[in-house]
C-alpha atoms as a PDB file:
ATOM      1  CA  MET A   1      98.072 105.085 104.779  1.00  0.00           C
ATOM      2  CA  ILE A   2      96.173 101.825 105.129  1.00  0.00           C
ATOM      3  CA  GLU A   3      94.128 100.544 108.052  1.00  0.00           C
ATOM      4  CA  LEU A   4      95.063  97.102 109.394  1.00  0.00           C
ATOM      5  CA  THR A   5      94.275  94.875 112.377  1.00  0.00           C
ATOM      6  CA  ARG A   6      96.845  93.377 114.742  1.00  0.00           C
ATOM      7  CA  LEU A   7      96.313  89.802 115.894  1.00  0.00           C
ATOM      8  CA  ASN A   8      95.002  91.108 119.251  1.00  0.00           C
ATOM      9  CA  GLY A   9      92.220  92.985 117.414  1.00  0.00           C
ATOM     10  CA  SER A  10      93.600  96.504 117.733  1.00  0.00           C
ATOM     11  CA  ILE A  11      93.347  98.627 114.607  1.00  0.00           C
ATOM     12  CA  PHE A  12      96.238 100.755 113.395  1.00  0.00           C
ATOM     13  CA  VAL A  13      97.218 102.754 110.325  1.00  0.00           C
ATOM     14  CA  LEU A  14     100.369 101.855 108.390  1.00  0.00           C
ATOM     15  CA  ASN A  15     102.354 104.022 105.992  1.00  0.00           C
ATOM     16  CA  ALA A  16     102.000 101.995 102.777  1.00  0.00           C
ATOM     17  CA  ASP A  17     105.014 103.737 101.239  1.00  0.00           C
ATOM     18  CA  LEU A  18     107.312 101.958 103.702  1.00  0.00           C
ATOM     19  CA  VAL A  19     106.151  98.398 102.898  1.00  0.00           C
ATOM     20  CA  GLU A  20     109.011  96.299 101.575  1.00  0.00           C
ATOM     21  CA  THR A  21     107.511  92.795 101.711  1.00  0.00           C
ATOM     22  CA  VAL A  22     104.297  91.030 102.706  1.00  0.00           C
ATOM     23  CA  GLU A  23     104.363  87.298 103.377  1.00  0.00           C
ATOM     24  CA  THR A  24     102.206  84.557 104.852  1.00  0.00           C
ATOM     25  CA  THR A  25     103.920  82.337 107.452  1.00  0.00           C
ATOM     26  CA  PRO A  26     100.875  81.329 108.092  1.00  0.00           C
ATOM     27  CA  ASP A  27     100.194  84.725 109.718  1.00  0.00           C
ATOM     28  CA  THR A  28     100.519  87.752 107.468  1.00  0.00           C
ATOM     29  CA  VAL A  29     103.820  89.500 108.210  1.00  0.00           C
ATOM     30  CA  ILE A  30     104.611  92.953 106.818  1.00  0.00           C
ATOM     31  CA  LEU A  31     108.227  94.091 106.707  1.00  0.00           C
ATOM     32  CA  LEU A  32     108.890  97.801 106.360  1.00  0.00           C
ATOM     33  CA  SER A  33     111.937  99.428 104.798  1.00  0.00           C
ATOM     34  CA  ASN A  34     112.964 100.653 108.269  1.00  0.00           C
ATOM     35  CA  GLY A  35     113.163  97.053 109.575  1.00  0.00           C
ATOM     36  CA  HIS A  36     109.924  97.072 111.593  1.00  0.00           C
ATOM     37  CA  ARG A  37     107.678  94.014 111.288  1.00  0.00           C
ATOM     38  CA  TYR A  38     103.935  93.851 111.780  1.00  0.00           C
ATOM     39  CA  VAL A  39     101.798  90.726 112.076  1.00  0.00           C
ATOM     40  CA  VAL A  40      98.211  91.367 110.983  1.00  0.00           C
ATOM     41  CA  ARG A  41      94.883  89.550 110.650  1.00  0.00           C
ATOM     42  CA  GLU A  42      94.355  90.546 107.024  1.00  0.00           C
ATOM     43  CA  SER A  43      95.517  88.156 104.313  1.00  0.00           C
ATOM     44  CA  MET A  44      98.437  88.943 102.050  1.00  0.00           C
ATOM     45  CA  GLU A  45      95.942  89.467  99.225  1.00  0.00           C
ATOM     46  CA  GLU A  46      93.903  91.936 101.297  1.00  0.00           C
ATOM     47  CA  VAL A  47      96.991  93.913 102.322  1.00  0.00           C
ATOM     48  CA  THR A  48      98.043  94.082  98.667  1.00  0.00           C
ATOM     49  CA  LYS A  49      94.569  95.282  97.636  1.00  0.00           C
ATOM     50  CA  ARG A  50      94.643  98.022 100.268  1.00  0.00           C
ATOM     51  CA  ILE A  51      98.101  99.195  99.202  1.00  0.00           C
ATOM     52  CA  LEU A  52      97.026  99.326  95.547  1.00  0.00           C
ATOM     53  CA  ALA A  53      93.817 101.198  96.447  1.00  0.00           C
ATOM     54  CA  PHE A  54      95.863 103.699  98.480  1.00  0.00           C
ATOM     55  CA  ARG A  55      98.243 104.284  95.571  1.00  0.00           C
ATOM     56  CA  ARG A  56      95.324 104.742  93.154  1.00  0.00           C
ATOM     57  CA  ARG A  57      93.842 107.396  95.443  1.00  0.00           C
ATOM     58  CA  VAL A  58      97.183 109.220  95.548  1.00  0.00           C
ATOM     59  CA  ILE A  59      97.516 109.140  91.749  1.00  0.00           C
ATOM     60  CA  ASP A  60      93.888 110.197  91.227  1.00  0.00           C
ATOM     61  CA  HIS A  61      94.354 113.092  93.659  1.00  0.00           C
ATOM     62  CA  ARG A  62      97.513 114.237  91.838  1.00  0.00           C
ATOM     63  CA  GLU A  63      95.770 114.085  88.458  1.00  0.00           C
ATOM     64  CA  PHE A  64      92.749 115.998  89.818  1.00  0.00           C
ATOM     65  CA  SER A  65      94.963 118.626  91.460  1.00  0.00           C
ATOM     66  CA  SER A  66      96.983 119.257  88.300  1.00  0.00           C
ATOM     67  CA  SER A  67      93.885 119.851  86.103  1.00  0.00           C
END
């Protein structure tokens, strides 16, 4: 899960596993595999960084748990 900000300033948490595409139009638009779209304040680069950081945490947790 990653924390993001809607254009109106409200903060929400998004399931990063459902992200299909992220584009800049000039707003950052996130399309999920279920067809939902979210427009956020964060840049495409920032959204990508947060998704990668989330995935690293998941992998690190799995590796730690299996030791």
